[in-house]
Amino acid sequence: MAMIPTNGGQPAAIDGLDLIGAGTSFRNELFDMVANSAIFNRFEGPEIRQLIGYMHAYSAPAGTTLFREGEPGKYMGILIEGSIEVRKQNDDGREHAIATITPGKTFGEMSLIDGLQHSASGVTLEPIVLTLLGKEPLRQFLEKHPASGVKMLWEIARLLSLRLRQTSGQLVDYLNQ
């Protein structure tokens, strides 16, 4: 069971995840993991290095539920290796696959920002490696690095906007059937 910092640096367990690395001794490896992720396309190396001080890397086996629909969100993740199936429940409670998260993509941004419950569940399809940024570490990053923090929030907003556009397009396609 891995830990991720929360309020006051007190760790909170994340079921099903094994900590790969964190802290200054792991900074170069963590930088190599996230530098090519879509969310960092507009970031310079020093800005990424500032943020990774607030992140941790984990691994998880296939079949691990990373987040559940209806539960509060606690972190944003960047998938490094493997794949995650996003599932949504229909009215009779059955889950249906609605998307697949692939390496370099993020998840959990909505719940991290708005503090509401996850709108879907995420289950690993194969063994994965990912990095996580919790709500409290993000808040600390924003306070200590306001310029980079604004850039990070801007990128999260941009990603959410792109996903909304994609969803709107899928809705139109569905309605036209």
N, C-alpha and C. Protein backbone atom coordinates (compact mmCIF):
# COMPACT_ATOMS: atom_id res chain seq x y z
N MET A 1 0.85 -1.18 0.00
CA MET A 1 0.00 0.00 0.00
C MET A 1 0.90 1.24 0.00
N ALA A 2 0.62 2.18 -0.88
CA ALA A 2 1.45 3.37 -1.03
C ALA A 2 0.86 4.54 -0.26
N MET A 3 1.65 5.60 -0.15
CA MET A 3 1.21 6.80 0.55
C MET A 3 1.35 8.01 -0.36
N ILE A 4 0.48 8.96 -0.20
CA ILE A 4 0.60 10.25 -0.88
C ILE A 4 0.35 11.33 0.15
N PRO A 5 1.14 12.38 0.15
CA PRO A 5 0.96 13.43 1.16
C PRO A 5 -0.41 14.08 1.07
N THR A 6 -0.95 14.41 2.22
CA THR A 6 -2.20 15.18 2.30
C THR A 6 -1.94 16.34 3.24
N ASN A 7 -2.96 16.80 3.93
CA ASN A 7 -2.82 17.96 4.82
C ASN A 7 -1.68 17.77 5.81
N GLY A 8 -0.87 18.80 5.93
CA GLY A 8 0.21 18.78 6.90
C GLY A 8 1.27 17.74 6.61
N GLY A 9 1.31 17.19 5.40
CA GLY A 9 2.29 16.18 5.07
C GLY A 9 1.96 14.81 5.60
N GLN A 10 0.82 14.66 6.28
CA GLN A 10 0.43 13.36 6.80
C GLN A 10 0.02 12.46 5.64
N PRO A 11 0.56 11.24 5.57
CA PRO A 11 0.24 10.37 4.45
C PRO A 11 -1.14 9.75 4.58
N ALA A 12 -1.72 9.48 3.42
CA ALA A 12 -2.99 8.76 3.35
C ALA A 12 -2.79 7.59 2.40
N ALA A 13 -3.27 6.42 2.75
CA ALA A 13 -3.06 5.22 1.96
C ALA A 13 -3.86 5.26 0.66
N ILE A 14 -3.26 4.72 -0.37
CA ILE A 14 -3.95 4.55 -1.65
C ILE A 14 -3.94 3.06 -1.94
N ASP A 15 -5.09 2.42 -1.80
CA ASP A 15 -5.19 0.98 -1.95
C ASP A 15 -4.78 0.53 -3.35
N GLY A 16 -4.04 -0.57 -3.40
CA GLY A 16 -3.70 -1.21 -4.66
C GLY A 16 -2.51 -0.64 -5.38
N LEU A 17 -1.91 0.44 -4.85
CA LEU A 17 -0.76 1.05 -5.52
C LEU A 17 0.50 0.80 -4.72
N ASP A 18 1.59 0.57 -5.43
CA ASP A 18 2.90 0.40 -4.80
C ASP A 18 3.77 1.59 -5.16
N LEU A 19 4.33 2.25 -4.16
CA LEU A 19 5.19 3.40 -4.37
C LEU A 19 6.46 2.96 -5.09
N ILE A 20 6.75 3.64 -6.21
CA ILE A 20 8.00 3.39 -6.94
C ILE A 20 9.05 4.36 -6.44
N GLY A 21 8.67 5.64 -6.30
CA GLY A 21 9.65 6.62 -5.84
C GLY A 21 9.06 7.98 -5.62
N ALA A 22 9.77 8.75 -4.78
CA ALA A 22 9.39 10.13 -4.47
C ALA A 22 10.60 10.83 -3.88
N GLY A 23 10.51 12.12 -3.77
CA GLY A 23 11.57 12.88 -3.12
C GLY A 23 12.73 13.21 -4.03
N THR A 24 13.73 13.88 -3.45
CA THR A 24 14.85 14.38 -4.24
C THR A 24 15.67 13.28 -4.87
N SER A 25 15.78 12.13 -4.24
CA SER A 25 16.58 11.05 -4.82
C SER A 25 15.93 10.45 -6.06
N PHE A 26 14.66 10.73 -6.29
CA PHE A 26 13.92 10.15 -7.41
C PHE A 26 13.54 11.20 -8.46
N ARG A 27 13.99 12.43 -8.28
CA ARG A 27 13.57 13.54 -9.15
C ARG A 27 13.89 13.32 -10.62
N ASN A 28 15.08 12.84 -10.94
CA ASN A 28 15.45 12.65 -12.35
C ASN A 28 14.58 11.59 -13.02
N GLU A 29 14.33 10.50 -12.31
CA GLU A 29 13.48 9.44 -12.86
C GLU A 29 12.05 9.96 -13.07
N LEU A 30 11.56 10.70 -12.09
CA LEU A 30 10.21 11.25 -12.19
C LEU A 30 10.12 12.25 -13.34
N PHE A 31 11.13 13.09 -13.50
CA PHE A 31 11.17 14.04 -14.61
C PHE A 31 11.09 13.28 -15.94
N ASP A 32 11.90 12.23 -16.09
CA ASP A 32 11.89 11.44 -17.32
C ASP A 32 10.52 10.82 -17.58
N MET A 33 9.81 10.45 -16.52
CA MET A 33 8.49 9.84 -16.67
C MET A 33 7.46 10.83 -17.21
N VAL A 34 7.46 12.05 -16.71
CA VAL A 34 6.37 12.97 -17.02
C VAL A 34 6.66 14.01 -18.09
N ALA A 35 7.93 14.21 -18.42
CA ALA A 35 8.30 15.32 -19.31
C ALA A 35 7.59 15.27 -20.66
N ASN A 36 7.27 14.10 -21.18
CA ASN A 36 6.63 13.99 -22.49
C ASN A 36 5.11 13.86 -22.42
N SER A 37 4.55 14.02 -21.23
CA SER A 37 3.10 13.95 -21.08
C SER A 37 2.43 15.16 -21.71
N ALA A 38 1.24 14.95 -22.24
CA ALA A 38 0.52 16.02 -22.95
C ALA A 38 0.32 17.26 -22.09
N ILE A 39 0.11 17.09 -20.81
CA ILE A 39 -0.17 18.25 -19.96
C ILE A 39 1.04 19.18 -19.84
N PHE A 40 2.24 18.66 -20.12
CA PHE A 40 3.46 19.46 -19.99
C PHE A 40 4.00 19.95 -21.33
N ASN A 41 3.22 19.86 -22.40
CA ASN A 41 3.68 20.30 -23.72
C ASN A 41 4.13 21.75 -23.75
N ARG A 42 3.53 22.60 -22.94
CA ARG A 42 3.84 24.03 -22.95
C ARG A 42 4.73 24.45 -21.77
N PHE A 43 5.31 23.48 -21.08
CA PHE A 43 6.16 23.76 -19.92
C PHE A 43 7.63 23.64 -20.29
N GLU A 44 8.44 24.45 -19.64
CA GLU A 44 9.89 24.35 -19.75
C GLU A 44 10.38 23.36 -18.70
N GLY A 45 11.57 22.81 -18.90
CA GLY A 45 12.14 21.84 -17.96
C GLY A 45 12.14 22.30 -16.51
N PRO A 46 12.59 23.54 -16.22
CA PRO A 46 12.59 23.99 -14.82
C PRO A 46 11.19 24.04 -14.19
N GLU A 47 10.18 24.35 -14.99
CA GLU A 47 8.80 24.38 -14.47
C GLU A 47 8.33 22.98 -14.12
N ILE A 48 8.68 22.01 -14.96
CA ILE A 48 8.31 20.61 -14.68
C ILE A 48 9.02 20.14 -13.42
N ARG A 49 10.30 20.50 -13.30
CA ARG A 49 11.07 20.09 -12.11
C ARG A 49 10.47 20.68 -10.82
N GLN A 50 9.91 21.90 -10.90
CA GLN A 50 9.24 22.48 -9.73
C GLN A 50 8.06 21.61 -9.32
N LEU A 51 7.25 21.21 -10.28
CA LEU A 51 6.03 20.48 -9.99
C LEU A 51 6.30 19.05 -9.52
N ILE A 52 7.29 18.38 -10.08
CA ILE A 52 7.50 16.98 -9.71
C ILE A 52 7.91 16.82 -8.25
N GLY A 53 8.34 17.90 -7.62
CA GLY A 53 8.62 17.83 -6.20
C GLY A 53 7.36 17.58 -5.37
N TYR A 54 6.21 17.70 -5.98
CA TYR A 54 4.92 17.51 -5.31
C TYR A 54 4.22 16.22 -5.77
N MET A 55 4.90 15.42 -6.58
CA MET A 55 4.29 14.23 -7.16
C MET A 55 5.01 12.97 -6.67
N HIS A 56 4.34 11.83 -6.84
CA HIS A 56 4.92 10.53 -6.52
C HIS A 56 4.61 9.58 -7.69
N ALA A 57 5.45 8.56 -7.83
CA ALA A 57 5.25 7.55 -8.88
C ALA A 57 4.85 6.23 -8.23
N TYR A 58 3.93 5.54 -8.90
CA TYR A 58 3.38 4.28 -8.39
C TYR A 58 3.27 3.26 -9.50
N SER A 59 3.12 2.01 -9.11
CA SER A 59 2.76 0.95 -10.04
C SER A 59 1.53 0.25 -9.48
N ALA A 60 0.81 -0.43 -10.38
CA ALA A 60 -0.38 -1.18 -9.96
C ALA A 60 -0.58 -2.33 -10.93
N PRO A 61 -1.05 -3.46 -10.45
CA PRO A 61 -1.31 -4.60 -11.33
C PRO A 61 -2.61 -4.43 -12.12
N ALA A 62 -2.77 -5.28 -13.11
CA ALA A 62 -4.02 -5.30 -13.88
C ALA A 62 -5.19 -5.57 -12.94
N GLY A 63 -6.32 -4.94 -13.24
CA GLY A 63 -7.53 -5.16 -12.45
C GLY A 63 -7.67 -4.26 -11.24
N THR A 64 -6.75 -3.33 -11.06
CA THR A 64 -6.81 -2.41 -9.92
C THR A 64 -7.79 -1.27 -10.22
N THR A 65 -8.72 -1.02 -9.31
CA THR A 65 -9.62 0.12 -9.45
C THR A 65 -8.91 1.33 -8.87
N LEU A 66 -8.61 2.30 -9.74
CA LEU A 66 -7.89 3.50 -9.33
C LEU A 66 -8.82 4.56 -8.76
N PHE A 67 -10.03 4.64 -9.33
CA PHE A 67 -11.03 5.58 -8.83
C PHE A 67 -12.40 5.01 -9.14
N ARG A 68 -13.37 5.33 -8.28
CA ARG A 68 -14.73 4.80 -8.41
C ARG A 68 -15.73 5.92 -8.63
N GLU A 69 -16.64 5.65 -9.54
CA GLU A 69 -17.74 6.59 -9.78
C GLU A 69 -18.47 6.82 -8.47
N GLY A 70 -18.73 8.10 -8.16
CA GLY A 70 -19.47 8.46 -6.96
C GLY A 70 -18.61 8.72 -5.73
N GLU A 71 -17.34 8.32 -5.78
CA GLU A 71 -16.45 8.58 -4.65
C GLU A 71 -15.74 9.91 -4.86
N PRO A 72 -15.37 10.59 -3.77
CA PRO A 72 -14.67 11.87 -3.93
C PRO A 72 -13.29 11.67 -4.56
N GLY A 73 -12.91 12.62 -5.40
CA GLY A 73 -11.60 12.57 -6.03
C GLY A 73 -10.54 13.15 -5.11
N LYS A 74 -9.36 12.53 -5.14
CA LYS A 74 -8.29 12.95 -4.24
C LYS A 74 -7.02 13.34 -4.98
N TYR A 75 -6.93 12.99 -6.23
CA TYR A 75 -5.70 13.25 -6.96
C TYR A 75 -5.93 13.26 -8.47
N MET A 76 -4.95 13.86 -9.16
CA MET A 76 -4.87 13.81 -10.61
C MET A 76 -3.72 12.87 -10.94
N GLY A 77 -3.90 12.04 -11.94
CA GLY A 77 -2.86 11.11 -12.33
C GLY A 77 -2.39 11.34 -13.75
N ILE A 78 -1.15 10.96 -14.00
CA ILE A 78 -0.60 10.92 -15.35
C ILE A 78 -0.17 9.48 -15.59
N LEU A 79 -0.74 8.86 -16.61
CA LEU A 79 -0.40 7.47 -16.91
C LEU A 79 0.92 7.44 -17.68
N ILE A 80 1.86 6.65 -17.19
CA ILE A 80 3.18 6.54 -17.81
C ILE A 80 3.27 5.28 -18.67
N GLU A 81 2.82 4.16 -18.14
CA GLU A 81 2.84 2.88 -18.86
C GLU A 81 1.53 2.16 -18.59
N GLY A 82 1.08 1.38 -19.59
CA GLY A 82 -0.12 0.57 -19.43
C GLY A 82 -1.36 1.28 -19.95
N SER A 83 -2.52 0.80 -19.53
CA SER A 83 -3.78 1.41 -19.94
C SER A 83 -4.83 1.27 -18.84
N ILE A 84 -5.75 2.22 -18.83
CA ILE A 84 -6.83 2.27 -17.85
C ILE A 84 -8.15 2.38 -18.60
N GLU A 85 -9.09 1.53 -18.27
CA GLU A 85 -10.42 1.61 -18.87
C GLU A 85 -11.31 2.47 -17.99
N VAL A 86 -11.96 3.45 -18.60
CA VAL A 86 -12.90 4.32 -17.89
C VAL A 86 -14.28 3.73 -18.08
N ARG A 87 -14.98 3.52 -16.97
CA ARG A 87 -16.29 2.87 -16.99
C ARG A 87 -17.34 3.76 -16.35
N LYS A 88 -18.53 3.75 -16.92
CA LYS A 88 -19.66 4.54 -16.42
C LYS A 88 -20.83 3.61 -16.19
N GLN A 89 -21.53 3.80 -15.07
CA GLN A 89 -22.72 2.99 -14.78
C GLN A 89 -23.93 3.54 -15.51
N ASN A 90 -24.76 2.62 -16.01
CA ASN A 90 -26.03 3.05 -16.59
C ASN A 90 -27.10 3.01 -15.49
N ASP A 91 -28.33 3.27 -15.87
CA ASP A 91 -29.42 3.36 -14.88
C ASP A 91 -29.67 2.07 -14.11
N ASP A 92 -29.35 0.91 -14.72
CA ASP A 92 -29.57 -0.36 -14.01
C ASP A 92 -28.32 -0.83 -13.26
N GLY A 93 -27.30 0.04 -13.18
CA GLY A 93 -26.12 -0.25 -12.38
C GLY A 93 -25.01 -1.00 -13.09
N ARG A 94 -25.21 -1.35 -14.36
CA ARG A 94 -24.16 -2.05 -15.11
C ARG A 94 -23.13 -1.04 -15.62
N GLU A 95 -21.86 -1.43 -15.56
CA GLU A 95 -20.79 -0.56 -16.04
C GLU A 95 -20.53 -0.82 -17.52
N HIS A 96 -20.25 0.27 -18.23
CA HIS A 96 -19.92 0.20 -19.65
C HIS A 96 -18.63 0.99 -19.88
N ALA A 97 -17.76 0.42 -20.68
CA ALA A 97 -16.51 1.11 -21.03
C ALA A 97 -16.85 2.31 -21.91
N ILE A 98 -16.31 3.47 -21.54
CA ILE A 98 -16.58 4.68 -22.33
C ILE A 98 -15.30 5.29 -22.90
N ALA A 99 -14.15 4.88 -22.38
CA ALA A 99 -12.88 5.43 -22.88
C ALA A 99 -11.73 4.58 -22.35
N THR A 100 -10.58 4.75 -22.98
CA THR A 100 -9.35 4.11 -22.51
C THR A 100 -8.29 5.19 -22.37
N ILE A 101 -7.66 5.23 -21.21
CA ILE A 101 -6.58 6.17 -20.95
C ILE A 101 -5.28 5.48 -21.34
N THR A 102 -4.49 6.16 -22.15
CA THR A 102 -3.22 5.61 -22.65
C THR A 102 -2.05 6.42 -22.09
N PRO A 103 -0.83 5.92 -22.23
CA PRO A 103 0.33 6.63 -21.67
C PRO A 103 0.42 8.07 -22.15
N GLY A 104 0.79 8.94 -21.19
CA GLY A 104 0.92 10.36 -21.46
C GLY A 104 -0.34 11.15 -21.18
N LYS A 105 -1.45 10.46 -20.95
CA LYS A 105 -2.73 11.13 -20.68
C LYS A 105 -2.96 11.27 -19.18
N THR A 106 -3.82 12.22 -18.84
CA THR A 106 -4.14 12.49 -17.45
C THR A 106 -5.56 12.02 -17.12
N PHE A 107 -5.83 11.90 -15.83
CA PHE A 107 -7.17 11.57 -15.35
C PHE A 107 -7.33 12.17 -13.96
N GLY A 108 -8.58 12.37 -13.57
CA GLY A 108 -8.88 12.87 -12.23
C GLY A 108 -8.84 14.38 -12.07
N GLU A 109 -8.65 15.11 -13.18
CA GLU A 109 -8.53 16.57 -13.09
C GLU A 109 -9.80 17.21 -12.58
N MET A 110 -10.96 16.72 -13.04
CA MET A 110 -12.23 17.35 -12.66
C MET A 110 -12.42 17.29 -11.15
N SER A 111 -12.29 16.11 -10.58
CA SER A 111 -12.49 15.96 -9.13
C SER A 111 -11.43 16.69 -8.33
N LEU A 112 -10.21 16.75 -8.86
CA LEU A 112 -9.14 17.48 -8.17
C LEU A 112 -9.48 18.97 -8.07
N ILE A 113 -10.04 19.52 -9.14
CA ILE A 113 -10.36 20.95 -9.19
C ILE A 113 -11.66 21.27 -8.47
N ASP A 114 -12.73 20.52 -8.76
CA ASP A 114 -14.03 20.91 -8.20
C ASP A 114 -14.37 20.22 -6.88
N GLY A 115 -13.60 19.22 -6.49
CA GLY A 115 -13.85 18.56 -5.21
C GLY A 115 -15.08 17.67 -5.20
N LEU A 116 -15.70 17.47 -6.34
CA LEU A 116 -16.89 16.63 -6.42
C LEU A 116 -16.51 15.17 -6.64
N GLN A 117 -17.51 14.33 -6.70
CA GLN A 117 -17.29 12.91 -6.88
C GLN A 117 -16.84 12.59 -8.30
N HIS A 118 -16.14 11.45 -8.42
CA HIS A 118 -15.75 10.99 -9.75
C HIS A 118 -17.00 10.70 -10.58
N SER A 119 -16.96 11.09 -11.84
CA SER A 119 -18.09 10.88 -12.74
C SER A 119 -18.04 9.51 -13.40
N ALA A 120 -16.96 8.76 -13.20
CA ALA A 120 -16.80 7.43 -13.77
C ALA A 120 -15.78 6.67 -12.92
N SER A 121 -15.59 5.40 -13.23
CA SER A 121 -14.59 4.57 -12.56
C SER A 121 -13.44 4.32 -13.51
N GLY A 122 -12.27 4.00 -12.96
CA GLY A 122 -11.11 3.68 -13.76
C GLY A 122 -10.45 2.41 -13.26
N VAL A 123 -10.29 1.42 -14.16
CA VAL A 123 -9.72 0.12 -13.81
C VAL A 123 -8.56 -0.18 -14.75
N THR A 124 -7.44 -0.62 -14.18
CA THR A 124 -6.28 -0.93 -15.00
C THR A 124 -6.54 -2.17 -15.85
N LEU A 125 -6.19 -2.09 -17.13
CA LEU A 125 -6.35 -3.21 -18.05
C LEU A 125 -5.13 -4.11 -18.06
N GLU A 126 -4.01 -3.58 -17.62
CA GLU A 126 -2.73 -4.28 -17.58
C GLU A 126 -1.91 -3.61 -16.48
N PRO A 127 -0.76 -4.17 -16.13
CA PRO A 127 0.07 -3.48 -15.14
C PRO A 127 0.40 -2.07 -15.61
N ILE A 128 0.39 -1.12 -14.68
CA ILE A 128 0.60 0.28 -15.05
C ILE A 128 1.68 0.92 -14.17
N VAL A 129 2.19 2.04 -14.68
CA VAL A 129 3.03 2.96 -13.92
C VAL A 129 2.36 4.31 -14.09
N LEU A 130 2.22 5.06 -13.00
CA LEU A 130 1.59 6.37 -13.06
C LEU A 130 2.19 7.29 -12.03
N THR A 131 1.95 8.58 -12.21
CA THR A 131 2.33 9.56 -11.20
C THR A 131 1.06 10.22 -10.69
N LEU A 132 1.09 10.64 -9.44
CA LEU A 132 -0.08 11.26 -8.84
C LEU A 132 0.27 12.60 -8.22
N LEU A 133 -0.67 13.52 -8.34
CA LEU A 133 -0.59 14.83 -7.70
C LEU A 133 -1.86 15.00 -6.90
N GLY A 134 -1.73 15.07 -5.58
CA GLY A 134 -2.87 15.22 -4.69
C GLY A 134 -3.35 16.66 -4.58
N LYS A 135 -4.53 16.82 -4.02
CA LYS A 135 -5.15 18.14 -3.89
C LYS A 135 -4.32 19.07 -3.00
N GLU A 136 -3.88 18.59 -1.84
CA GLU A 136 -3.09 19.43 -0.94
C GLU A 136 -1.71 19.75 -1.53
N PRO A 137 -1.00 18.78 -2.11
CA PRO A 137 0.27 19.13 -2.77
C PRO A 137 0.07 20.14 -3.91
N LEU A 138 -1.03 20.03 -4.66
CA LEU A 138 -1.30 21.01 -5.71
C LEU A 138 -1.50 22.40 -5.10
N ARG A 139 -2.24 22.48 -4.01
CA ARG A 139 -2.45 23.77 -3.34
C ARG A 139 -1.12 24.35 -2.89
N GLN A 140 -0.25 23.52 -2.32
CA GLN A 140 1.06 23.98 -1.88
C GLN A 140 1.89 24.47 -3.06
N PHE A 141 1.84 23.74 -4.17
CA PHE A 141 2.57 24.13 -5.38
C PHE A 141 2.08 25.49 -5.88
N LEU A 142 0.77 25.68 -5.90
CA LEU A 142 0.19 26.95 -6.36
C LEU A 142 0.65 28.12 -5.48
N GLU A 143 0.73 27.91 -4.18
CA GLU A 143 1.17 28.96 -3.26
C GLU A 143 2.65 29.28 -3.41
N LYS A 144 3.48 28.26 -3.58
CA LYS A 144 4.93 28.46 -3.62
C LYS A 144 5.44 28.85 -5.01
N HIS A 145 4.71 28.49 -6.05
CA HIS A 145 5.14 28.76 -7.42
C HIS A 145 3.96 29.32 -8.22
N PRO A 146 3.51 30.54 -7.91
CA PRO A 146 2.28 31.05 -8.53
C PRO A 146 2.32 31.13 -10.05
N ALA A 147 3.43 31.51 -10.65
CA ALA A 147 3.48 31.62 -12.12
C ALA A 147 3.33 30.24 -12.76
N SER A 148 4.08 29.25 -12.26
CA SER A 148 3.95 27.89 -12.79
C SER A 148 2.59 27.30 -12.43
N GLY A 149 2.06 27.68 -11.26
CA GLY A 149 0.75 27.20 -10.84
C GLY A 149 -0.35 27.67 -11.77
N VAL A 150 -0.30 28.93 -12.17
CA VAL A 150 -1.29 29.45 -13.12
C VAL A 150 -1.18 28.68 -14.43
N LYS A 151 0.04 28.42 -14.86
CA LYS A 151 0.24 27.67 -16.10
C LYS A 151 -0.34 26.26 -15.99
N MET A 152 -0.15 25.64 -14.83
CA MET A 152 -0.69 24.29 -14.60
C MET A 152 -2.22 24.32 -14.64
N LEU A 153 -2.82 25.27 -13.94
CA LEU A 153 -4.28 25.37 -13.95
C LEU A 153 -4.80 25.66 -15.35
N TRP A 154 -4.09 26.47 -16.11
CA TRP A 154 -4.46 26.77 -17.49
C TRP A 154 -4.45 25.49 -18.33
N GLU A 155 -3.44 24.66 -18.15
CA GLU A 155 -3.34 23.41 -18.91
C GLU A 155 -4.45 22.44 -18.51
N ILE A 156 -4.76 22.38 -17.23
CA ILE A 156 -5.86 21.53 -16.79
C ILE A 156 -7.17 22.02 -17.42
N ALA A 157 -7.40 23.33 -17.41
CA ALA A 157 -8.61 23.89 -18.02
C ALA A 157 -8.65 23.59 -19.52
N ARG A 158 -7.51 23.67 -20.20
CA ARG A 158 -7.44 23.38 -21.62
C ARG A 158 -7.79 21.92 -21.89
N LEU A 159 -7.25 21.01 -21.08
CA LEU A 159 -7.55 19.58 -21.25
C LEU A 159 -9.04 19.30 -21.01
N LEU A 160 -9.60 19.92 -19.98
CA LEU A 160 -11.02 19.73 -19.70
C LEU A 160 -11.88 20.26 -20.84
N SER A 161 -11.49 21.39 -21.41
CA SER A 161 -12.21 21.96 -22.54
C SER A 161 -12.16 21.02 -23.74
N LEU A 162 -10.99 20.46 -24.02
CA LEU A 162 -10.86 19.51 -25.14
C LEU A 162 -11.75 18.29 -24.94
N ARG A 163 -11.78 17.79 -23.70
CA ARG A 163 -12.62 16.61 -23.42
C ARG A 163 -14.09 16.95 -23.56
N LEU A 164 -14.50 18.13 -23.15
CA LEU A 164 -15.90 18.54 -23.30
C LEU A 164 -16.27 18.63 -24.77
N ARG A 165 -15.37 19.17 -25.59
CA ARG A 165 -15.63 19.24 -27.03
C ARG A 165 -15.77 17.84 -27.64
N GLN A 166 -14.88 16.92 -27.23
CA GLN A 166 -14.97 15.55 -27.73
C GLN A 166 -16.29 14.90 -27.32
N THR A 167 -16.67 15.10 -26.07
CA THR A 167 -17.92 14.52 -25.58
C THR A 167 -19.12 15.11 -26.32
N SER A 168 -19.09 16.40 -26.56
CA SER A 168 -20.18 17.04 -27.32
C SER A 168 -20.27 16.45 -28.71
N GLY A 169 -19.13 16.23 -29.35
CA GLY A 169 -19.12 15.62 -30.67
C GLY A 169 -19.69 14.20 -30.65
N GLN A 170 -19.33 13.43 -29.62
CA GLN A 170 -19.86 12.07 -29.49
C GLN A 170 -21.38 12.10 -29.25
N LEU A 171 -21.84 13.07 -28.49
CA LEU A 171 -23.28 13.20 -28.25
C LEU A 171 -24.01 13.50 -29.55
N VAL A 172 -23.48 14.39 -30.36
CA VAL A 172 -24.10 14.72 -31.64
C VAL A 172 -24.15 13.47 -32.53
N ASP A 173 -23.04 12.72 -32.58
CA ASP A 173 -23.01 11.49 -33.37
C ASP A 173 -24.08 10.51 -32.88
N TYR A 174 -24.23 10.38 -31.56
CA TYR A 174 -25.23 9.48 -30.98
C TYR A 174 -26.64 9.94 -31.34
N LEU A 175 -26.89 11.24 -31.24
CA LEU A 175 -28.22 11.77 -31.55
C LEU A 175 -28.57 11.64 -33.02
N ASN A 176 -27.58 11.62 -33.90
CA ASN A 176 -27.81 11.50 -35.33
C ASN A 176 -28.03 10.06 -35.80
N GLN A 177 -27.91 9.10 -34.91
CA GLN A 177 -28.09 7.69 -35.30
C GLN A 177 -29.53 7.36 -35.54
